Amino acid sequence: MNEDHRAADPDILRVTRTKREAKSFYDRVSGIYDWLTRAFERRFAEKALERLDARDGEVVLEIGFGSGHCLRAIARAVGRKGSAHGVDISRGMLVVARKKLAESGLAEKAHPLLGDAARLPYKDSVFDAVFMSYTLELFDTAEIPCVLDEIRRVLRPRGRVGVASLSREGGGSPMLRLYEWAHERWPKYADCRPIYVERSLRDAGFGIRSKDVVRWFGLPNEIVVAANPAPV
């Protein structure tokens, strides 16, 4: 594995917003986050979750659970014998997600907490699946391999990871160039930026199971499910 390739890709824009700034931003928008994501991110997140296929009895982690929309769906999918877990850096999102889970009668089935995906607060090999929706691209380019290494660490052998993200694959569309211009101009607000999802997962040692490229007003998105290889 080429560590230099994993750590840097000249095509991918940098993330200049600090994590402190990110926490503050998501705390501020936590009360309206469902409204902000309903028109765009939510339908692709739901498609990615469908591809991941969380099953009855599984233990599943969502990284960057936001308002808890997908975490609630995961808790329902894993049933009585399974459990759903989540980490997010925003305390405001944690409050909103816990309220949503409690109102749905799932407070005992789902376990959201504050945490950083670059240092997941879990033991090795504890999850059957990990889910990320419009979260991986929020990490700076050099930190993406660290996040994926942490996911491999907490996944069981043959465990699955599902990722939905803005994509730079087949880049060059006018909409993509416009979005990247906005990210460079207002990085604290146009915070997501397109990355290479499949490439990043392959570089981290995952085996690709499925991939969809979907577009929203010309802006490409990757939905990828990959597997943690079994030990040799």
C-alpha atoms as a PDB file:
ATOM      1  CA  MET A   1       0.000   0.000   0.000  1.00  0.00           C
ATOM      2  CA  ASN A   2       1.404   3.357  -0.978  1.00  0.00           C
ATOM      3  CA  GLU A   3       1.222   5.554   2.095  1.00  0.00           C
ATOM      4  CA  ASP A   4       2.132   8.694   0.122  1.00  0.00           C
ATOM      5  CA  HIS A   5      -0.788   8.086  -2.253  1.00  0.00           C
ATOM      6  CA  ARG A   6      -3.122   7.525   0.681  1.00  0.00           C
ATOM      7  CA  ALA A   7      -2.021  10.689   2.456  1.00  0.00           C
ATOM      8  CA  ALA A   8      -2.181  13.110  -0.452  1.00  0.00           C
ATOM      9  CA  ASP A   9      -4.132  13.490  -3.664  1.00  0.00           C
ATOM     10  CA  PRO A  10      -3.598  16.723  -5.591  1.00  0.00           C
ATOM     11  CA  ASP A  11      -7.073  16.520  -7.141  1.00  0.00           C
ATOM     12  CA  ILE A  12      -8.866  16.674  -3.799  1.00  0.00           C
ATOM     13  CA  LEU A  13      -9.365  20.041  -2.142  1.00  0.00           C
ATOM     14  CA  ARG A  14      -8.166  20.513   1.415  1.00  0.00           C
ATOM     15  CA  VAL A  15     -10.349  20.978   4.475  1.00  0.00           C
ATOM     16  CA  THR A  16      -9.209  24.138   6.211  1.00  0.00           C
ATOM     17  CA  ARG A  17     -11.965  24.356   8.813  1.00  0.00           C
ATOM     18  CA  THR A  18     -10.805  23.192  12.237  1.00  0.00           C
ATOM     19  CA  LYS A  19     -12.675  20.561  14.210  1.00  0.00           C
ATOM     20  CA  ARG A  20     -13.542  23.183  16.797  1.00  0.00           C
ATOM     21  CA  GLU A  21     -15.154  25.249  14.035  1.00  0.00           C
ATOM     22  CA  ALA A  22     -16.954  22.164  12.724  1.00  0.00           C
ATOM     23  CA  LYS A  23     -18.368  21.368  16.164  1.00  0.00           C
ATOM     24  CA  SER A  24     -19.573  24.935  16.570  1.00  0.00           C
ATOM     25  CA  PHE A  25     -21.212  24.947  13.121  1.00  0.00           C
ATOM     26  CA  TYR A  26     -23.083  21.670  13.636  1.00  0.00           C
ATOM     27  CA  ASP A  27     -24.150  22.685  17.112  1.00  0.00           C
ATOM     28  CA  ARG A  28     -25.723  25.810  15.608  1.00  0.00           C
ATOM     29  CA  VAL A  29     -27.587  24.007  12.824  1.00  0.00           C
ATOM     30  CA  SER A  30     -28.571  20.890  14.786  1.00  0.00           C
ATOM     31  CA  GLY A  31     -32.142  22.113  15.311  1.00  0.00           C
ATOM     32  CA  ILE A  32     -32.763  22.561  11.575  1.00  0.00           C
ATOM     33  CA  TYR A  33     -30.443  19.854  10.223  1.00  0.00           C
ATOM     34  CA  ASP A  34     -33.307  17.576   9.146  1.00  0.00           C
ATOM     35  CA  TRP A  35     -34.715  20.396   7.043  1.00  0.00           C
ATOM     36  CA  LEU A  36     -31.294  21.212   5.556  1.00  0.00           C
ATOM     37  CA  THR A  37     -30.602  17.630   4.440  1.00  0.00           C
ATOM     38  CA  ARG A  38     -34.075  16.503   3.404  1.00  0.00           C
ATOM     39  CA  ALA A  39     -33.832  17.656  -0.235  1.00  0.00           C
ATOM     40  CA  PHE A  40     -30.400  16.228  -1.019  1.00  0.00           C
ATOM     41  CA  GLU A  41     -28.398  14.098   1.377  1.00  0.00           C
ATOM     42  CA  ARG A  42     -31.214  12.110   2.909  1.00  0.00           C
ATOM     43  CA  ARG A  43     -32.339  10.128  -0.143  1.00  0.00           C
ATOM     44  CA  PHE A  44     -28.779   9.121  -1.018  1.00  0.00           C
ATOM     45  CA  ALA A  45     -28.068   8.250   2.618  1.00  0.00           C
ATOM     46  CA  GLU A  46     -31.136   6.023   2.636  1.00  0.00           C
ATOM     47  CA  LYS A  47     -29.985   4.374  -0.591  1.00  0.00           C
ATOM     48  CA  ALA A  48     -26.562   3.723   0.935  1.00  0.00           C
ATOM     49  CA  LEU A  49     -28.165   2.262   4.037  1.00  0.00           C
ATOM     50  CA  GLU A  50     -30.259  -0.010   1.848  1.00  0.00           C
ATOM     51  CA  ARG A  51     -27.082  -1.174   0.081  1.00  0.00           C
ATOM     52  CA  LEU A  52     -25.364  -1.822   3.414  1.00  0.00           C
ATOM     53  CA  ASP A  53     -28.283  -4.091   4.377  1.00  0.00           C
ATOM     54  CA  ALA A  54     -28.089  -3.981   8.179  1.00  0.00           C
ATOM     55  CA  ARG A  55     -29.604  -7.228   9.454  1.00  0.00           C
ATOM     56  CA  ASP A  56     -31.411  -8.572  12.455  1.00  0.00           C
ATOM     57  CA  GLY A  57     -29.019  -9.287  15.308  1.00  0.00           C
ATOM     58  CA  GLU A  58     -26.105  -7.245  13.973  1.00  0.00           C
ATOM     59  CA  VAL A  59     -24.073  -4.634  15.829  1.00  0.00           C
ATOM     60  CA  VAL A  60     -23.775  -1.557  13.601  1.00  0.00           C
ATOM     61  CA  LEU A  61     -21.960   1.763  14.008  1.00  0.00           C
ATOM     62  CA  GLU A  62     -22.838   5.025  12.291  1.00  0.00           C
ATOM     63  CA  ILE A  63     -20.091   7.660  12.127  1.00  0.00           C
ATOM     64  CA  GLY A  64     -21.466  11.201  11.930  1.00  0.00           C
ATOM     65  CA  PHE A  65     -25.065  10.368  12.850  1.00  0.00           C
ATOM     66  CA  GLY A  66     -26.216  13.982  12.735  1.00  0.00           C
ATOM     67  CA  SER A  67     -29.877  14.315  13.730  1.00  0.00           C
ATOM     68  CA  GLY A  68     -30.218  10.533  14.065  1.00  0.00           C
ATOM     69  CA  HIS A  69     -32.377   9.839  10.989  1.00  0.00           C
ATOM     70  CA  CYS A  70     -30.283   6.912   9.745  1.00  0.00           C
ATOM     71  CA  LEU A  71     -29.293   5.787  13.235  1.00  0.00           C
ATOM     72  CA  ARG A  72     -32.985   5.313  13.973  1.00  0.00           C
ATOM     73  CA  ALA A  73     -33.370   3.236  10.793  1.00  0.00           C
ATOM     74  CA  ILE A  74     -30.358   1.125  11.771  1.00  0.00           C
ATOM     75  CA  ALA A  75     -31.799   0.502  15.235  1.00  0.00           C
ATOM     76  CA  ARG A  76     -35.003  -0.756  13.663  1.00  0.00           C
ATOM     77  CA  ALA A  77     -33.165  -2.924  11.125  1.00  0.00           C
ATOM     78  CA  VAL A  78     -30.999  -4.786  13.661  1.00  0.00           C
ATOM     79  CA  GLY A  79     -34.042  -5.799  15.699  1.00  0.00           C
ATOM     80  CA  ARG A  80     -34.321  -6.931  19.279  1.00  0.00           C
ATOM     81  CA  LYS A  81     -31.108  -8.949  19.309  1.00  0.00           C
ATOM     82  CA  GLY A  82     -28.916  -6.348  17.612  1.00  0.00           C
ATOM     83  CA  SER A  83     -27.735  -2.893  18.602  1.00  0.00           C
ATOM     84  CA  ALA A  84     -27.010   0.435  16.913  1.00  0.00           C
ATOM     85  CA  HIS A  85     -24.164   2.733  17.937  1.00  0.00           C
ATOM     86  CA  GLY A  86     -23.110   6.159  16.761  1.00  0.00           C
ATOM     87  CA  VAL A  87     -20.394   8.780  17.121  1.00  0.00           C
ATOM     88  CA  ASP A  88     -20.602  12.467  16.237  1.00  0.00           C
ATOM     89  CA  ILE A  89     -18.469  15.453  17.191  1.00  0.00           C
ATOM     90  CA  SER A  90     -21.449  17.753  17.808  1.00  0.00           C
ATOM     91  CA  ARG A  91     -23.124  17.900  21.191  1.00  0.00           C
ATOM     92  CA  GLY A  92     -26.107  19.663  19.600  1.00  0.00           C
ATOM     93  CA  MET A  93     -26.586  16.761  17.195  1.00  0.00           C
ATOM     94  CA  LEU A  94     -26.304  14.317  20.082  1.00  0.00           C
ATOM     95  CA  VAL A  95     -29.163  16.062  21.894  1.00  0.00           C
ATOM     96  CA  VAL A  96     -31.362  16.056  18.771  1.00  0.00           C
ATOM     97  CA  ALA A  97     -30.605  12.401  17.963  1.00  0.00           C
ATOM     98  CA  ARG A  98     -31.285  11.203  21.509  1.00  0.00           C
ATOM     99  CA  LYS A  99     -34.632  13.003  21.487  1.00  0.00           C
ATOM    100  CA  LYS A 100     -35.572  11.448  18.135  1.00  0.00           C
ATOM    101  CA  LEU A 101     -34.630   7.973  19.332  1.00  0.00           C
ATOM    102  CA  ALA A 102     -36.571   8.400  22.569  1.00  0.00           C
ATOM    103  CA  GLU A 103     -39.680   9.571  20.706  1.00  0.00           C
ATOM    104  CA  SER A 104     -39.421   6.485  18.487  1.00  0.00           C
ATOM    105  CA  GLY A 105     -39.119   4.110  21.436  1.00  0.00           C
ATOM    106  CA  LEU A 106     -35.550   3.193  20.465  1.00  0.00           C
ATOM    107  CA  ALA A 107     -33.561   4.822  23.250  1.00  0.00           C
ATOM    108  CA  GLU A 108     -32.484   1.447  24.620  1.00  0.00           C
ATOM    109  CA  LYS A 109     -31.582   0.084  21.180  1.00  0.00           C
ATOM    110  CA  ALA A 110     -29.313   2.891  19.972  1.00  0.00           C
ATOM    111  CA  HIS A 111     -26.276   4.288  21.736  1.00  0.00           C
ATOM    112  CA  PRO A 112     -25.077   7.628  20.307  1.00  0.00           C
ATOM    113  CA  LEU A 113     -22.146   9.396  21.900  1.00  0.00           C
ATOM    114  CA  LEU A 114     -19.649  12.172  21.292  1.00  0.00           C
ATOM    115  CA  GLY A 115     -16.518  11.060  19.508  1.00  0.00           C
ATOM    116  CA  ASP A 116     -14.000  11.575  16.735  1.00  0.00           C
ATOM    117  CA  ALA A 117     -13.814   9.035  13.892  1.00  0.00           C
ATOM    118  CA  ALA A 118     -10.035   9.431  13.781  1.00  0.00           C
ATOM    119  CA  ARG A 119      -9.920   7.907  17.308  1.00  0.00           C
ATOM    120  CA  LEU A 120     -12.975   5.703  17.674  1.00  0.00           C
ATOM    121  CA  PRO A 121     -13.812   4.908  21.318  1.00  0.00           C
ATOM    122  CA  TYR A 122     -14.384   1.183  20.701  1.00  0.00           C
ATOM    123  CA  LYS A 123     -12.428  -2.038  21.062  1.00  0.00           C
ATOM    124  CA  ASP A 124     -11.146  -4.003  18.085  1.00  0.00           C
ATOM    125  CA  SER A 125     -13.463  -6.170  15.962  1.00  0.00           C
ATOM    126  CA  VAL A 126     -16.772  -5.306  17.632  1.00  0.00           C
ATOM    127  CA  PHE A 127     -19.005  -4.239  14.704  1.00  0.00           C
ATOM    128  CA  ASP A 128     -20.621  -6.200  11.898  1.00  0.00           C
ATOM    129  CA  ALA A 129     -21.029  -3.039   9.823  1.00  0.00           C
ATOM    130  CA  VAL A 130     -20.092   0.649   9.816  1.00  0.00           C
ATOM    131  CA  PHE A 131     -22.060   3.357   8.015  1.00  0.00           C
ATOM    132  CA  MET A 132     -21.007   6.874   6.960  1.00  0.00           C
ATOM    133  CA  SER A 133     -23.229   9.320   5.131  1.00  0.00           C
ATOM    134  CA  TYR A 134     -21.696  12.617   3.923  1.00  0.00           C
ATOM    135  CA  THR A 135     -19.101  12.455   6.675  1.00  0.00           C
ATOM    136  CA  LEU A 136     -15.905  10.989   5.215  1.00  0.00           C
ATOM    137  CA  GLU A 137     -15.437  14.004   2.926  1.00  0.00           C
ATOM    138  CA  LEU A 138     -15.501  16.339   5.948  1.00  0.00           C
ATOM    139  CA  PHE A 139     -12.083  15.072   7.034  1.00  0.00           C
ATOM    140  CA  ASP A 140      -8.961  16.635   5.593  1.00  0.00           C
ATOM    141  CA  THR A 141      -7.261  14.547   2.911  1.00  0.00           C
ATOM    142  CA  ALA A 142      -4.431  13.309   5.105  1.00  0.00           C
ATOM    143  CA  GLU A 143      -6.880  12.206   7.818  1.00  0.00           C
ATOM    144  CA  ILE A 144      -9.144  10.098   5.585  1.00  0.00           C
ATOM    145  CA  PRO A 145      -6.748   7.090   5.710  1.00  0.00           C
ATOM    146  CA  CYS A 146      -6.674   7.373   9.525  1.00  0.00           C
ATOM    147  CA  VAL A 147     -10.474   7.247   9.671  1.00  0.00           C
ATOM    148  CA  LEU A 148     -10.606   4.228   7.362  1.00  0.00           C
ATOM    149  CA  ASP A 149      -7.903   2.455   9.379  1.00  0.00           C
ATOM    150  CA  GLU A 150      -9.985   3.021  12.503  1.00  0.00           C
ATOM    151  CA  ILE A 151     -13.028   1.567  10.749  1.00  0.00           C
ATOM    152  CA  ARG A 152     -11.038  -1.526   9.763  1.00  0.00           C
ATOM    153  CA  ARG A 153      -9.875  -1.848  13.367  1.00  0.00           C
ATOM    154  CA  VAL A 154     -13.366  -1.869  14.881  1.00  0.00           C
ATOM    155  CA  LEU A 155     -14.926  -4.026  12.148  1.00  0.00           C
ATOM    156  CA  ARG A 156     -15.045  -7.778  12.501  1.00  0.00           C
ATOM    157  CA  PRO A 157     -13.419  -9.890   9.779  1.00  0.00           C
ATOM    158  CA  ARG A 158     -15.638  -9.732   6.676  1.00  0.00           C
ATOM    159  CA  GLY A 159     -17.532  -6.825   8.278  1.00  0.00           C
ATOM    160  CA  ARG A 160     -19.049  -4.286   5.919  1.00  0.00           C
ATOM    161  CA  VAL A 161     -18.652  -0.529   5.526  1.00  0.00           C
ATOM    162  CA  GLY A 162     -21.104   1.617   3.604  1.00  0.00           C
ATOM    163  CA  VAL A 163     -20.191   5.145   2.501  1.00  0.00           C
ATOM    164  CA  ALA A 164     -22.218   7.844   0.751  1.00  0.00           C
ATOM    165  CA  SER A 165     -20.192  10.878  -0.286  1.00  0.00           C
ATOM    166  CA  LEU A 166     -19.764  13.625  -2.807  1.00  0.00           C
ATOM    167  CA  SER A 167     -17.532  12.187  -5.509  1.00  0.00           C
ATOM    168  CA  ARG A 168     -14.756  13.526  -7.687  1.00  0.00           C
ATOM    169  CA  GLU A 169     -14.879  10.487  -9.942  1.00  0.00           C
ATOM    170  CA  GLY A 170     -15.293  11.534 -13.538  1.00  0.00           C
ATOM    171  CA  GLY A 171     -14.643  15.082 -12.341  1.00  0.00           C
ATOM    172  CA  GLY A 172     -14.851  18.115 -14.532  1.00  0.00           C
ATOM    173  CA  SER A 173     -18.596  18.665 -14.691  1.00  0.00           C
ATOM    174  CA  PRO A 174     -19.644  22.328 -14.450  1.00  0.00           C
ATOM    175  CA  MET A 175     -21.596  21.618 -11.259  1.00  0.00           C
ATOM    176  CA  LEU A 176     -18.612  19.932  -9.623  1.00  0.00           C
ATOM    177  CA  ARG A 177     -16.308  22.816 -10.551  1.00  0.00           C
ATOM    178  CA  LEU A 178     -18.866  25.279  -9.176  1.00  0.00           C
ATOM    179  CA  TYR A 179     -19.157  23.371  -5.920  1.00  0.00           C
ATOM    180  CA  GLU A 180     -15.391  23.162  -5.495  1.00  0.00           C
ATOM    181  CA  TRP A 181     -15.164  26.907  -6.150  1.00  0.00           C
ATOM    182  CA  ALA A 182     -17.730  27.461  -3.376  1.00  0.00           C
ATOM    183  CA  HIS A 183     -15.809  25.154  -1.029  1.00  0.00           C
ATOM    184  CA  GLU A 184     -12.601  27.106  -1.589  1.00  0.00           C
ATOM    185  CA  ARG A 185     -14.383  30.432  -1.136  1.00  0.00           C
ATOM    186  CA  TRP A 186     -16.552  29.498   1.887  1.00  0.00           C
ATOM    187  CA  PRO A 187     -14.942  26.391   3.434  1.00  0.00           C
ATOM    188  CA  LYS A 188     -16.739  26.786   6.750  1.00  0.00           C
ATOM    189  CA  TYR A 189     -20.164  26.524   5.105  1.00  0.00           C
ATOM    190  CA  ALA A 190     -19.711  24.525   1.856  1.00  0.00           C
ATOM    191  CA  ASP A 191     -17.945  22.050   4.095  1.00  0.00           C
ATOM    192  CA  CYS A 192     -18.255  18.801   2.143  1.00  0.00           C
ATOM    193  CA  ARG A 193     -15.988  18.498  -0.866  1.00  0.00           C
ATOM    194  CA  PRO A 194     -15.804  15.748  -3.509  1.00  0.00           C
ATOM    195  CA  ILE A 195     -13.406  12.850  -2.835  1.00  0.00           C
ATOM    196  CA  TYR A 196     -12.589   9.482  -4.412  1.00  0.00           C
ATOM    197  CA  VAL A 197     -14.571   7.034  -2.283  1.00  0.00           C
ATOM    198  CA  GLU A 198     -13.874   3.700  -3.987  1.00  0.00           C
ATOM    199  CA  ARG A 199     -10.177   4.545  -4.383  1.00  0.00           C
ATOM    200  CA  SER A 200      -9.880   5.529  -0.726  1.00  0.00           C
ATOM    201  CA  LEU A 201     -11.514   2.301   0.435  1.00  0.00           C
ATOM    202  CA  ARG A 202      -9.323   0.171  -1.815  1.00  0.00           C
ATOM    203  CA  ASP A 203      -6.199   1.966  -0.611  1.00  0.00           C
ATOM    204  CA  ALA A 204      -7.249   1.236   2.968  1.00  0.00           C
ATOM    205  CA  GLY A 205      -7.413  -2.494   2.204  1.00  0.00           C
ATOM    206  CA  PHE A 206     -11.161  -2.986   1.796  1.00  0.00           C
ATOM    207  CA  GLY A 207     -12.677  -5.182  -0.883  1.00  0.00           C
ATOM    208  CA  ILE A 208     -15.384  -3.428  -2.911  1.00  0.00           C
ATOM    209  CA  ARG A 209     -18.767  -5.180  -2.937  1.00  0.00           C
ATOM    210  CA  SER A 210     -20.959  -2.673  -4.739  1.00  0.00           C
ATOM    211  CA  LYS A 211     -20.807   0.842  -6.118  1.00  0.00           C
ATOM    212  CA  ASP A 212     -23.343   3.319  -7.443  1.00  0.00           C
ATOM    213  CA  VAL A 213     -22.655   6.754  -8.890  1.00  0.00           C
ATOM    214  CA  VAL A 214     -25.719   8.985  -8.647  1.00  0.00           C
ATOM    215  CA  ARG A 215     -26.087  12.632  -9.582  1.00  0.00           C
ATOM    216  CA  TRP A 216     -27.969  15.528  -8.059  1.00  0.00           C
ATOM    217  CA  PHE A 217     -28.237  18.475 -10.446  1.00  0.00           C
ATOM    218  CA  GLY A 218     -25.058  17.229 -12.122  1.00  0.00           C
ATOM    219  CA  LEU A 219     -23.122  16.813  -8.864  1.00  0.00           C
ATOM    220  CA  PRO A 220     -21.762  13.223  -8.634  1.00  0.00           C
ATOM    221  CA  ASN A 221     -22.129  11.119  -5.490  1.00  0.00           C
ATOM    222  CA  GLU A 222     -20.620   7.707  -4.777  1.00  0.00           C
ATOM    223  CA  ILE A 223     -22.422   5.056  -2.772  1.00  0.00           C
ATOM    224  CA  VAL A 224     -19.964   2.260  -2.012  1.00  0.00           C
ATOM    225  CA  VAL A 225     -20.198  -0.857   0.126  1.00  0.00           C
ATOM    226  CA  ALA A 226     -16.936  -2.631   0.931  1.00  0.00           C
ATOM    227  CA  ALA A 227     -15.821  -5.521   3.111  1.00  0.00           C
ATOM    228  CA  ASN A 228     -13.083  -5.937   5.683  1.00  0.00           C
ATOM    229  CA  PRO A 229     -10.966  -8.874   4.494  1.00  0.00           C
ATOM    230  CA  ALA A 230     -10.723 -11.951   6.677  1.00  0.00           C
ATOM    231  CA  PRO A 231      -7.301 -12.476   8.309  1.00  0.00           C
ATOM    232  CA  VAL A 232      -4.941 -14.690   6.336  1.00  0.00           C
END
